[in-house]
N, C-alpha and C. Protein backbone atom coordinates (compact mmCIF):
# COMPACT_ATOMS: atom_id res chain seq x y z
N MET A 1 0.83 -1.18 0.02
CA MET A 1 -0.02 -0.03 0.07
C MET A 1 0.80 1.24 0.01
N LYS A 2 2.01 1.15 0.71
CA LYS A 2 2.92 2.48 0.69
C LYS A 2 3.40 2.57 -0.55
N LYS A 3 3.69 1.62 -1.40
CA LYS A 3 4.25 2.11 -2.68
C LYS A 3 3.16 2.62 -3.70
N PHE A 4 1.77 2.12 -3.47
CA PHE A 4 0.88 2.66 -4.30
C PHE A 4 0.78 4.22 -3.90
N VAL A 5 0.72 4.51 -2.67
CA VAL A 5 0.60 6.02 -2.23
C VAL A 5 1.67 6.87 -2.71
N SER A 6 2.82 6.33 -2.59
CA SER A 6 4.03 7.21 -3.17
C SER A 6 3.92 7.25 -4.77
N GLY A 7 3.44 6.13 -5.32
CA GLY A 7 3.40 6.25 -6.95
C GLY A 7 2.33 7.37 -7.28
N ILE A 8 1.26 7.22 -6.41
CA ILE A 8 0.30 8.35 -6.78
C ILE A 8 0.73 9.70 -6.58
N LEU A 9 1.49 9.96 -5.53
CA LEU A 9 2.08 11.34 -5.24
C LEU A 9 3.10 11.63 -6.10
N VAL A 10 4.08 10.76 -6.78
CA VAL A 10 4.99 10.95 -7.73
C VAL A 10 4.34 11.33 -9.01
N GLY A 11 3.38 10.55 -9.39
CA GLY A 11 2.67 10.63 -10.68
C GLY A 11 1.87 12.02 -10.59
N SER A 12 1.39 12.38 -9.65
CA SER A 12 0.69 13.70 -9.46
C SER A 12 1.64 14.84 -9.69
N LEU A 13 2.93 14.64 -8.72
CA LEU A 13 3.95 15.80 -8.98
C LEU A 13 4.38 15.88 -10.34
N ALA A 14 4.67 14.84 -11.09
CA ALA A 14 5.07 14.82 -12.33
C ALA A 14 3.96 15.33 -13.42
N THR A 15 2.89 15.05 -13.21
CA THR A 15 1.71 15.61 -14.01
C THR A 15 1.77 17.24 -13.85
N ALA A 16 1.79 17.67 -12.55
CA ALA A 16 1.75 19.19 -12.25
C ALA A 16 3.06 19.88 -12.90
N ALA A 17 4.14 19.14 -12.72
CA ALA A 17 5.51 19.67 -13.50
C ALA A 17 5.16 19.82 -14.88
N ALA A 18 4.69 18.77 -15.49
CA ALA A 18 4.49 18.70 -17.03
C ALA A 18 3.55 19.86 -17.44
N ALA A 19 2.48 20.03 -16.56
CA ALA A 19 1.52 21.18 -16.89
C ALA A 19 2.19 22.57 -16.77
N ALA A 20 3.15 22.71 -15.91
CA ALA A 20 3.70 23.91 -15.65
C ALA A 20 4.61 24.20 -16.84
N VAL A 21 5.42 23.19 -17.15
CA VAL A 21 6.33 23.35 -18.37
C VAL A 21 5.58 23.85 -19.56
N ALA A 22 4.41 23.10 -19.78
CA ALA A 22 3.50 23.32 -20.96
C ALA A 22 3.06 24.77 -20.95
N GLY A 23 2.62 25.23 -19.76
CA GLY A 23 2.09 26.52 -19.70
C GLY A 23 3.31 27.64 -19.99
N LEU A 24 4.39 27.29 -19.44
CA LEU A 24 5.58 28.24 -19.60
C LEU A 24 5.94 28.25 -21.25
N VAL A 25 5.96 27.11 -21.79
CA VAL A 25 6.20 27.26 -23.35
C VAL A 25 5.21 27.98 -24.06
N ALA A 26 3.85 27.75 -23.59
CA ALA A 26 2.80 28.34 -24.41
C ALA A 26 2.83 29.89 -24.11
N SER A 27 3.25 30.36 -22.84
CA SER A 27 3.19 31.81 -22.58
C SER A 27 4.39 32.31 -23.24
N VAL A 28 5.57 31.66 -23.28
CA VAL A 28 6.69 32.33 -24.13
C VAL A 28 6.55 32.38 -25.59
N LYS A 29 5.65 31.37 -26.07
CA LYS A 29 5.35 31.31 -27.55
C LYS A 29 4.60 32.61 -27.70
N LYS A 30 3.56 32.89 -26.91
CA LYS A 30 2.53 34.00 -27.01
C LYS A 30 3.13 35.31 -26.89
N THR A 31 4.09 35.46 -25.97
CA THR A 31 4.83 36.82 -25.80
C THR A 31 5.91 37.11 -26.53
N VAL A 32 6.54 36.14 -27.01
CA VAL A 32 7.95 36.25 -27.80
C VAL A 32 7.86 35.99 -29.21
N ILE A 33 7.43 34.82 -29.44
CA ILE A 33 7.55 34.27 -30.78
C ILE A 33 6.49 34.86 -31.79
N ASP A 34 5.15 34.85 -31.26
CA ASP A 34 3.99 35.38 -32.03
C ASP A 34 4.34 36.84 -32.58
N PRO A 35 4.83 37.84 -31.70
CA PRO A 35 4.88 38.98 -32.13
C PRO A 35 6.11 39.19 -33.16
N ILE A 36 7.08 38.31 -32.93
CA ILE A 36 8.09 38.41 -34.17
C ILE A 36 7.58 37.91 -35.39
N ASP A 37 6.78 36.87 -35.54
CA ASP A 37 6.12 36.36 -36.67
C ASP A 37 5.36 37.26 -37.33
N GLU A 38 4.45 38.06 -36.47
CA GLU A 38 3.49 39.01 -37.03
C GLU A 38 4.33 40.28 -37.62
N LYS A 39 5.39 40.67 -36.93
CA LYS A 39 6.18 41.64 -37.60
C LYS A 39 6.88 41.36 -38.92
N GLU A 40 7.37 40.05 -38.96
CA GLU A 40 7.92 39.57 -40.24
C GLU A 40 7.05 39.51 -41.29
N ALA A 41 5.65 39.12 -40.89
CA ALA A 41 4.59 38.88 -41.95
C ALA A 41 4.40 40.46 -42.33
N MET A 42 4.30 41.27 -41.51
CA MET A 42 4.04 42.81 -41.86
C MET A 42 4.95 43.28 -42.80
N ILE A 43 6.24 42.99 -42.51
CA ILE A 43 7.36 43.53 -43.31
C ILE A 43 7.31 42.95 -44.75
N GLU A 44 6.92 41.63 -44.69
CA GLU A 44 6.77 40.90 -46.05
C GLU A 44 5.78 41.55 -46.82
N GLU A 45 4.64 41.64 -46.22
CA GLU A 45 3.42 42.31 -46.93
C GLU A 45 3.74 43.71 -47.46
N ASN A 46 4.53 44.63 -46.75
CA ASN A 46 4.87 45.84 -47.09
C ASN A 46 5.82 45.83 -48.25
N ARG A 47 6.82 44.80 -48.25
CA ARG A 47 7.68 44.61 -49.31
C ARG A 47 6.99 44.27 -50.69
N LYS A 48 6.03 43.44 -50.58
CA LYS A 48 5.18 43.02 -51.57
C LYS A 48 4.36 44.29 -52.25
N LYS A 49 3.90 45.15 -51.43
CA LYS A 49 3.09 46.27 -51.77
C LYS A 49 4.25 47.18 -52.40
N ALA A 50 5.48 47.53 -52.01
CA ALA A 50 6.36 48.29 -52.69
C ALA A 50 6.81 47.70 -53.93
N MET A 51 6.88 46.36 -54.14
CA MET A 51 7.23 45.90 -55.37
C MET A 51 6.14 46.19 -56.41
N ARG A 52 4.90 45.99 -55.93
CA ARG A 52 3.84 46.12 -56.93
C ARG A 52 3.71 47.65 -57.39
N LYS A 53 4.03 48.71 -56.41
CA LYS A 53 3.96 50.06 -56.80
C LYS A 53 5.20 50.39 -57.74
N ARG A 54 6.24 49.78 -57.48
CA ARG A 54 7.32 50.04 -58.35
C ARG A 54 7.26 49.53 -59.81
N VAL A 55 6.56 48.43 -60.01
CA VAL A 55 6.21 47.84 -61.32
C VAL A 55 5.11 48.68 -62.06
N SER A 56 4.22 49.26 -61.30
CA SER A 56 3.09 49.90 -61.98
C SER A 56 3.47 51.22 -62.39
N ARG A 57 4.67 51.80 -62.04
CA ARG A 57 5.05 53.16 -62.54
C ARG A 57 5.59 53.16 -63.86
């Protein structure tokens, strides 16, 4: 019975730790990676617009 209880506790702690790591990764992605991707997309869109304007003249 003692092994069962310790297994339950270890499993619960491991699950909580995994959830914390997943939350940390998600928050870093949202605050760091997504804004960089949005900025790159905006720059690419502006570059395409500039190329169209240059060709139409």
